[in-house]
Every structure is written in C-alpha cells, then in structure tokens.
Protein backbone atom coordinates (compact mmCIF):
# COMPACT_ATOMS: atom_id res chain seq x y z
CA MET A 1 -6.65 8.37 -16.45
CA LEU A 2 -4.80 11.56 -15.54
CA TYR A 3 -3.24 11.32 -12.06
CA LEU A 4 -2.11 14.56 -10.44
CA SER A 5 -0.16 14.09 -7.23
CA ASN A 6 -0.82 17.54 -5.73
CA LEU A 7 -2.76 20.76 -6.20
CA GLU A 8 0.22 22.51 -7.79
CA GLU A 9 0.25 19.93 -10.59
CA ALA A 10 -3.51 20.38 -11.01
CA GLN A 11 -3.48 24.17 -11.44
CA LYS A 12 -3.46 24.10 -15.27
CA VAL A 13 -6.33 21.62 -15.36
CA ILE A 14 -8.38 23.58 -12.82
CA ARG A 15 -7.86 26.82 -14.74
CA ALA A 16 -8.73 25.18 -18.04
CA LEU A 17 -12.01 23.84 -16.67
CA SER A 18 -12.93 27.04 -14.82
CA ALA A 19 -14.58 28.54 -17.92
CA PRO A 20 -18.19 27.32 -18.39
CA MET A 21 -17.78 27.25 -22.18
CA ARG A 22 -14.82 24.86 -21.91
CA MET A 23 -16.91 22.59 -19.71
CA GLU A 24 -19.52 22.56 -22.48
CA ILE A 25 -16.83 21.65 -25.02
CA MET A 26 -15.70 18.76 -22.81
CA LYS A 27 -19.27 17.48 -22.48
CA ILE A 28 -19.70 17.49 -26.25
CA ILE A 29 -16.44 15.72 -27.07
CA TYR A 30 -17.06 13.04 -24.42
CA ARG A 31 -20.45 12.34 -26.02
CA THR A 32 -18.97 12.39 -29.52
CA PRO A 33 -15.16 12.08 -29.63
CA GLY A 34 -13.55 13.39 -32.80
CA VAL A 35 -15.94 16.26 -33.57
CA SER A 36 -14.69 19.10 -35.74
CA MET A 37 -13.94 22.64 -34.59
CA ASN A 38 -16.63 23.84 -37.00
CA TYR A 39 -19.16 21.55 -35.33
CA LEU A 40 -18.25 22.96 -31.93
CA ALA A 41 -18.57 26.54 -33.19
CA LYS A 42 -21.98 25.87 -34.72
CA THR A 43 -23.31 23.91 -31.71
CA LEU A 44 -22.13 26.45 -29.15
CA GLU A 45 -22.92 29.48 -31.34
CA LEU A 46 -19.36 30.77 -31.12
CA THR A 47 -16.93 32.13 -33.67
CA ASN A 48 -14.24 29.80 -34.95
CA SER A 49 -11.57 31.95 -33.28
CA ALA A 50 -13.35 31.72 -29.90
CA VAL A 51 -13.60 27.93 -30.17
CA SER A 52 -9.93 27.76 -31.19
CA MET A 53 -8.94 29.77 -28.10
CA HIS A 54 -10.94 27.52 -25.73
CA VAL A 55 -9.65 24.31 -27.31
CA SER A 56 -6.10 25.65 -27.13
CA ARG A 57 -6.43 26.11 -23.35
CA LEU A 58 -7.76 22.56 -22.98
CA THR A 59 -4.91 21.23 -25.11
CA GLU A 60 -2.29 23.04 -23.01
CA ALA A 61 -3.77 21.40 -19.90
CA GLY A 62 -3.47 17.97 -21.52
CA LEU A 63 -7.23 17.40 -21.54
CA VAL A 64 -7.90 17.16 -25.30
CA SER A 65 -6.03 16.17 -28.42
CA ILE A 66 -6.41 17.56 -31.94
CA GLU A 67 -6.12 15.52 -35.12
CA THR A 68 -5.84 17.20 -38.50
CA THR A 69 -7.56 15.41 -41.38
CA SER A 70 -8.65 16.20 -44.91
CA GLY A 71 -12.13 17.61 -45.45
CA LYS A 72 -14.31 18.78 -48.32
CA ARG A 73 -12.71 22.22 -48.28
CA GLY A 74 -9.13 21.51 -47.33
CA THR A 75 -8.19 20.30 -43.85
CA MET A 76 -10.22 20.22 -40.65
CA LYS A 77 -9.33 19.73 -37.00
CA LEU A 78 -11.00 17.01 -34.94
CA VAL A 79 -11.11 17.27 -31.14
CA SER A 80 -11.12 14.27 -28.75
CA PRO A 81 -10.72 13.87 -24.98
CA CYS A 82 -7.42 12.47 -23.65
CA HIS A 83 -8.57 10.92 -20.37
CA ASP A 84 -11.61 9.05 -19.08
CA ARG A 85 -11.10 10.42 -15.55
CA ILE A 86 -8.93 12.76 -13.50
CA VAL A 87 -7.64 12.01 -10.00
CA ILE A 88 -6.15 14.83 -7.89
CA ASP A 89 -4.40 13.95 -4.65
CA MET A 90 -5.60 16.69 -2.30
CA VAL A 91 -3.53 15.64 0.71
CA PRO A 92 -0.62 18.05 1.29
CA GLU A 93 2.84 16.59 0.81
CA GLN A 94 4.19 15.02 3.98
CA GLU A 95 7.08 16.44 5.93
CA PRO A 96 10.45 15.05 4.82
CA GLU A 97 11.12 11.54 6.07
CA PRO A 98 13.51 11.15 9.00
CA ARG A 99 17.12 10.90 7.90
CA HIS A 100 17.56 7.32 9.05
CA ILE A 101 15.13 5.55 6.77
CA TYR A 102 15.24 3.38 3.65
CA SER A 103 12.14 3.39 1.46
CA ASP A 104 11.21 1.15 -1.48
CA ASP A 105 8.16 0.41 -3.62
CA ILE A 106 7.59 -3.18 -4.76
CA ARG A 107 5.17 -3.83 -7.60
CA ILE A 108 2.30 -6.18 -6.84
CA GLY A 109 3.42 -8.56 -9.58
CA CYS A 110 7.02 -8.86 -8.34
CA PHE A 111 6.38 -11.77 -5.99
CA THR A 112 9.20 -14.28 -5.64
CA SER A 113 7.01 -17.33 -5.01
CA CYS A 114 3.36 -18.25 -4.67
CA SER A 115 0.98 -21.13 -4.12
CA ILE A 116 -2.63 -20.14 -4.69
CA ALA A 117 -6.07 -21.63 -5.34
CA PRO A 118 -8.94 -20.27 -7.51
CA THR A 119 -10.82 -18.08 -7.72
CA CYS A 120 -7.68 -16.27 -8.79
CA GLY A 121 -6.14 -14.03 -11.37
CA LEU A 122 -3.86 -11.11 -12.06
CA SER A 123 -3.77 -8.25 -14.52
CA THR A 124 -1.62 -5.49 -15.90
CA ALA A 125 -3.08 -2.04 -16.58
CA GLU A 126 -3.63 -3.16 -20.18
CA GLN A 127 -5.03 -6.67 -19.92
CA ILE A 128 -5.77 -9.69 -17.75
CA ILE A 129 -2.83 -12.12 -17.74
CA GLY A 130 -3.74 -15.56 -19.06
CA ALA A 131 -7.20 -16.91 -18.27
CA MET A 132 -9.34 -16.16 -15.25
CA ASP A 133 -8.97 -18.72 -12.43
CA ASP A 134 -5.95 -20.31 -14.13
CA VAL A 135 -3.21 -20.82 -11.55
CA LYS A 136 -0.64 -21.15 -14.36
CA ALA A 137 -1.04 -17.45 -15.19
CA PHE A 138 0.94 -16.66 -12.02
CA THR A 139 3.99 -18.29 -13.66
CA PHE A 140 3.80 -16.27 -16.90
CA PRO A 141 6.62 -13.70 -17.35
CA GLU A 142 4.02 -10.94 -17.56
CA HIS A 143 3.24 -11.39 -13.88
CA PHE A 144 6.05 -8.94 -13.03
CA ASP A 145 3.97 -6.17 -14.64
CA ALA A 146 0.76 -7.01 -12.74
CA GLY A 147 -0.95 -4.20 -10.88
CA ILE A 148 -3.57 -6.39 -9.21
CA LEU A 149 -3.81 -10.03 -8.11
CA TRP A 150 -6.31 -12.11 -6.19
CA PHE A 151 -6.70 -15.64 -4.84
CA THR A 152 -9.08 -17.61 -2.60
CA SER A 153 -6.46 -19.40 -0.50
CA GLY A 154 -2.69 -19.84 -0.49
CA TYR A 155 0.06 -17.22 -0.43
CA VAL A 156 2.25 -14.80 -2.31
CA GLU A 157 5.76 -14.02 -1.08
CA TYR A 158 7.91 -10.96 -1.74
CA GLY A 159 11.61 -10.38 -1.28
CA LEU A 160 12.05 -7.11 0.61
CA PRO A 161 15.12 -4.95 -0.03
CA ASN A 162 17.61 -4.74 2.84
CA HIS A 163 19.76 -1.60 2.56
CA LEU A 164 21.19 -1.77 6.08
CA GLN A 165 24.92 -1.11 6.31
CA PRO A 166 27.34 -2.49 8.92
CA GLY A 167 26.70 -0.71 12.21
CA GLN A 168 23.09 0.19 11.37
CA ARG A 169 20.35 -1.36 13.51
CA LEU A 170 16.73 -1.75 12.39
CA THR A 171 14.26 -0.04 14.78
CA ARG A 172 11.01 -0.24 12.84
CA LEU A 173 9.77 -1.94 9.67
CA GLN A 174 6.68 -0.54 7.99
CA ILE A 175 4.89 -2.22 5.04
CA SER A 176 1.80 -0.61 3.48
CA PHE A 177 -0.53 -1.96 0.78
CA GLU A 178 -4.09 -1.74 -0.53
CA ILE A 179 -5.88 -4.99 0.26
CA SER A 180 -9.28 -6.66 0.49
CA SER A 181 -10.89 -10.11 0.59
CA GLU A 182 -11.62 -12.09 -2.59
CA TYR A 183 -15.21 -13.02 -3.41
CA PRO A 184 -16.43 -14.35 -6.78
CA GLY A 185 -17.73 -10.98 -7.92
CA PHE A 186 -17.74 -8.79 -4.82
CA ASN A 187 -19.25 -8.76 -1.34
CA LYS A 188 -18.49 -6.00 1.19
CA ASP A 189 -19.44 -8.32 4.08
CA TYR A 190 -17.03 -11.19 3.44
CA PRO A 191 -14.39 -11.49 6.19
CA SER A 192 -11.05 -13.09 5.48
CA ASP A 193 -8.21 -14.01 7.86
CA ILE A 194 -5.09 -12.68 6.18
CA HIS A 195 -1.86 -13.94 7.79
CA PHE A 196 1.48 -12.13 7.59
CA SER A 197 4.95 -13.54 8.20
CA LEU A 198 8.56 -12.47 7.70
CA ASN A 199 11.33 -15.02 7.18
CA GLY A 200 8.94 -17.72 8.39
CA ILE A 201 8.12 -15.89 11.64
CA PRO A 202 4.34 -15.32 12.00
CA LEU A 203 3.61 -11.64 12.52
CA GLY A 204 -0.12 -11.93 13.10
CA VAL A 205 -3.53 -12.08 11.45
CA TRP A 206 -5.67 -9.20 10.20
CA VAL A 207 -9.33 -9.81 9.33
CA SER A 208 -10.28 -8.13 6.07
CA PRO A 209 -13.94 -7.02 6.26
CA GLY A 210 -14.87 -7.71 2.65
CA ASP A 211 -14.36 -7.43 -1.09
CA TYR A 212 -15.46 -4.04 -2.46
CA GLY A 213 -17.17 -3.42 -5.78
CA ASP A 214 -20.03 -0.98 -5.15
CA ARG A 215 -18.20 1.62 -7.26
CA ARG A 216 -15.19 1.76 -9.55
CA GLY A 217 -11.71 2.10 -8.11
CA HIS A 218 -10.52 5.70 -8.37
CA VAL A 219 -7.43 4.83 -10.42
CA SER A 220 -8.43 1.54 -12.07
CA PRO A 221 -8.28 1.37 -15.89
CA ALA A 222 -11.48 2.32 -17.72
CA TRP A 223 -11.71 -1.15 -19.29
CA TRP A 224 -11.55 -2.99 -15.95
CA PRO A 225 -14.76 -5.09 -15.66
CA ALA A 226 -17.31 -3.75 -13.17
CA SER A 227 -17.98 -7.32 -11.99
CA LEU A 228 -14.44 -7.69 -10.59
CA ASN A 229 -12.74 -6.39 -7.42
CA GLN A 230 -12.66 -2.59 -7.57
CA TYR A 231 -10.82 -1.25 -4.53
CA GLY A 232 -9.50 -2.17 -1.09
CA LEU A 233 -8.38 -0.62 2.18
CA LEU A 234 -4.98 1.02 2.57
CA LYS A 235 -3.36 -0.76 5.51
CA THR A 236 0.06 -0.37 7.15
CA LEU A 237 1.76 -3.26 8.94
CA ILE A 238 4.22 -1.95 11.54
CA ILE A 239 6.83 -4.04 13.39
CA ASN A 240 8.59 -2.03 16.10
CA ARG A 241 10.14 -2.59 19.53
CA GLU A 242 6.71 -3.00 21.17
CA GLY A 243 5.26 -5.61 18.82
CA THR A 244 3.46 -5.92 15.46
CA PHE A 245 0.56 -3.60 14.71
CA MET A 246 -1.89 -2.83 11.94
CA ASP A 247 -2.11 0.92 11.32
CA GLY A 248 -0.32 1.59 14.59
CA GLY A 249 -3.34 0.91 16.79
CA GLN A 250 -4.46 -2.70 16.36
CA LYS A 251 -1.90 -5.05 17.90
CA LEU A 252 -1.51 -8.27 15.93
CA SER A 253 1.21 -9.97 17.99
CA ASP A 254 4.07 -9.52 20.45
CA VAL A 255 6.66 -10.12 17.70
CA THR A 256 9.06 -7.18 17.84
CA VAL A 257 11.64 -5.97 15.36
CA ASP A 258 14.33 -7.39 17.66
CA HIS A 259 12.75 -10.86 17.45
CA LEU A 260 13.36 -10.78 13.68
CA CYS A 261 17.16 -10.55 14.19
CA ILE A 262 17.64 -8.53 11.01
CA ASP A 263 21.11 -7.18 10.29
CA TYR A 264 22.88 -5.94 7.16
CA ASN A 265 23.40 -9.52 5.91
CA SER A 266 19.77 -10.62 6.25
CA LEU A 267 17.58 -11.65 3.33
CA LEU A 268 13.95 -10.69 3.89
CA SER A 269 11.00 -12.75 2.68
CA PHE A 270 7.53 -11.32 3.37
CA ARG A 271 4.50 -13.60 2.99
CA ILE A 272 0.80 -12.68 2.67
CA GLU A 273 -1.30 -15.80 3.17
CA VAL A 274 -4.86 -17.05 3.54
CA PRO A 275 -4.59 -20.65 4.83
CA GLU A 276 -7.23 -23.01 3.52
CA ASN A 277 -8.05 -24.14 7.09
CA THR A 278 -8.34 -20.66 8.64
CA ALA A 279 -11.68 -19.74 10.27
CA ASN A 280 -12.52 -17.09 7.64
CA CYS A 281 -11.06 -18.30 4.37
CA GLY A 282 -12.23 -15.32 2.35
CA GLY A 283 -9.27 -14.89 0.05
CA CYS A 284 -7.06 -11.91 -0.67
CA THR A 285 -6.86 -9.16 -3.29
CA LEU A 286 -3.82 -6.87 -3.59
CA PHE A 287 -4.13 -3.59 -5.49
CA GLY A 288 -1.05 -1.81 -6.81
CA GLU A 289 -0.26 1.03 -9.16
CA GLN A 290 -3.09 1.88 -11.59
CA PHE A 291 -5.63 -0.19 -9.67
CA GLY A 292 -7.94 0.45 -6.73
CA ASP A 293 -8.06 3.78 -4.92
CA TYR A 294 -4.48 4.65 -4.01
CA ASN A 295 -2.19 4.11 -7.02
CA GLN A 296 0.43 2.63 -4.70
CA ALA A 297 2.68 -0.40 -4.86
CA ILE A 298 3.71 -2.30 -1.72
CA ARG A 299 5.63 0.41 0.15
CA VAL A 300 8.40 -0.71 2.49
CA LYS A 301 10.04 1.67 4.98
CA ALA A 302 12.92 0.55 7.17
CA PHE A 303 13.84 2.88 10.05
CA TYR A 304 17.26 2.43 11.65
CA GLU A 305 19.72 3.88 14.12
C-alpha cells in the first residue's frame, strides 16, 4: 500500500495517472504483472518510445517497477505494479498544536501487561503472531510489532509517557485510538462495554456498536483475511477539568484530570478492558498503524500549564 499523508505528496501520483494511456498500462500490469514493454506497445498499438515515456512517468511516481531480464534477442524490460492500493489523506494539515502540549504515539503491540480470553489474536503487518485464539501469542517477543490485536474479554494495559517537568500542571489528557468490538468473524450489530481506567481509577465505559467487516480496511495489508476484523471507529478519550468524555461530547464520568493527581513524578498506566461479567461482553479490537482505516497508533496528548 502507498500511503500519502496530504495532497502535496500525492501530486506526482495524480499527474502520472492523469493520462488515459497510463491508466490503461496500469490496468494491464495489474491483470498480468511482469509484462514486457514490447507486449504493452503491441497491445496498446503504441511505439516503443511512447510506451517507454509513459512507463517512465509511472516509475517516477513510484507506481511501477522495471526488471531487466534476458530475452531471445538480448535483454527485455518487464513492468510490474508496486502497490495493491493507494490511500491519500485529503484532510488539510491541522493548525500547529498549542505550545504547552506533549504528544506521543504508542504502538498497539507495546502493551505492558494483559490478561485476555479467546477469541483472540494479534498480528504484524507481515503475519499473524503465533496461532489464532492462542493466549500465549500475547507473550511472544513479536507482540511489540503488532499493528492489530483483539480479545473477547480481559484487558490490555499501556504505560503512557509522562513528560511533565517540575512546575508544569496537567490540564487535559487526550487518548485517541481506532477500536471496535470483537466477534468471531464480524458483526456490525454487536455491542460491547469497553471500560477505561488510568492508574486503577475507572474513567468510564463506552459501548462499541459492533465489529466491522463489510469491506476491507483502507490501510490493512493486502494479505489480511477478509473473514477477520477489518476496521473500527476512531475515538478520542478526553479527561479535562469538567470530567471524562468520549469525543468531547459524550460524558463517561465525573472523573477530572485533577482527580488523577498526576505530577511530573507520576507513572501512568492506561487500561482498556472488557470485563467478563459486563452487560455487553462483546470483546475489543484495537487497530494501529497499517491496519484498519486510519493508520494511527494510540495517540496520547498531554496539555499543561
């Protein structure tokens, strides 16, 4: 997958694909990767120099690769596509963050502790770690590289960075992540009570509507099985001086940032949990980089004064 974070990055790709003949070349090489330049010229009824010019533009944009190999009459060039999909982030870049903020990304697999029950699993962008529904896989060293994980009940816990310096006071803590329920397969109508806590203090419960698999995740690897969780919802947990909220509007509890008593010495342990005895025990799936729709790790922002 080719991920382009803004329209400026995408300009070369857009220009390369703006010519109808290059679109035809892309269609051919996706149907039959590794075709020769001569084959393209014959199929499209173009001269070899015209095909060479079009392929050169596609190569400059990073869309195709060329391999030189021996043929019957010397060498020949074979053309193949580089990516199975392209994702362009169309949202304009945000205004610069306020000065008094610390921001960190934590990979999905970098949990510090867990206790989970099947169905469960985790995967890197290259392969599933261990066996499906094997709790032991969460203890394998590869779990640090995981970009997705799921479980039916239990918890995962993450250590959050604390960059506060003496004299700095936390005013708001913001944690965003892509999340869904966990159903064996997928089910968009499968509610799950997902509990959040920080340093053992319950922050509240958010009810995930379901587990989504009606289409592929926008940034998930091409090999990712269609029968597994595909994408989630991008949610932001906010703890400020008024309470704890989901996405700023839905109040989860009256726990404020002051109740957490966080100073520059504090260690922070954030837990995402689906208790076995909760009313809607529908599991949890966390999507990180290279999985789901948003290509985002767990993003932590600490605002201070």
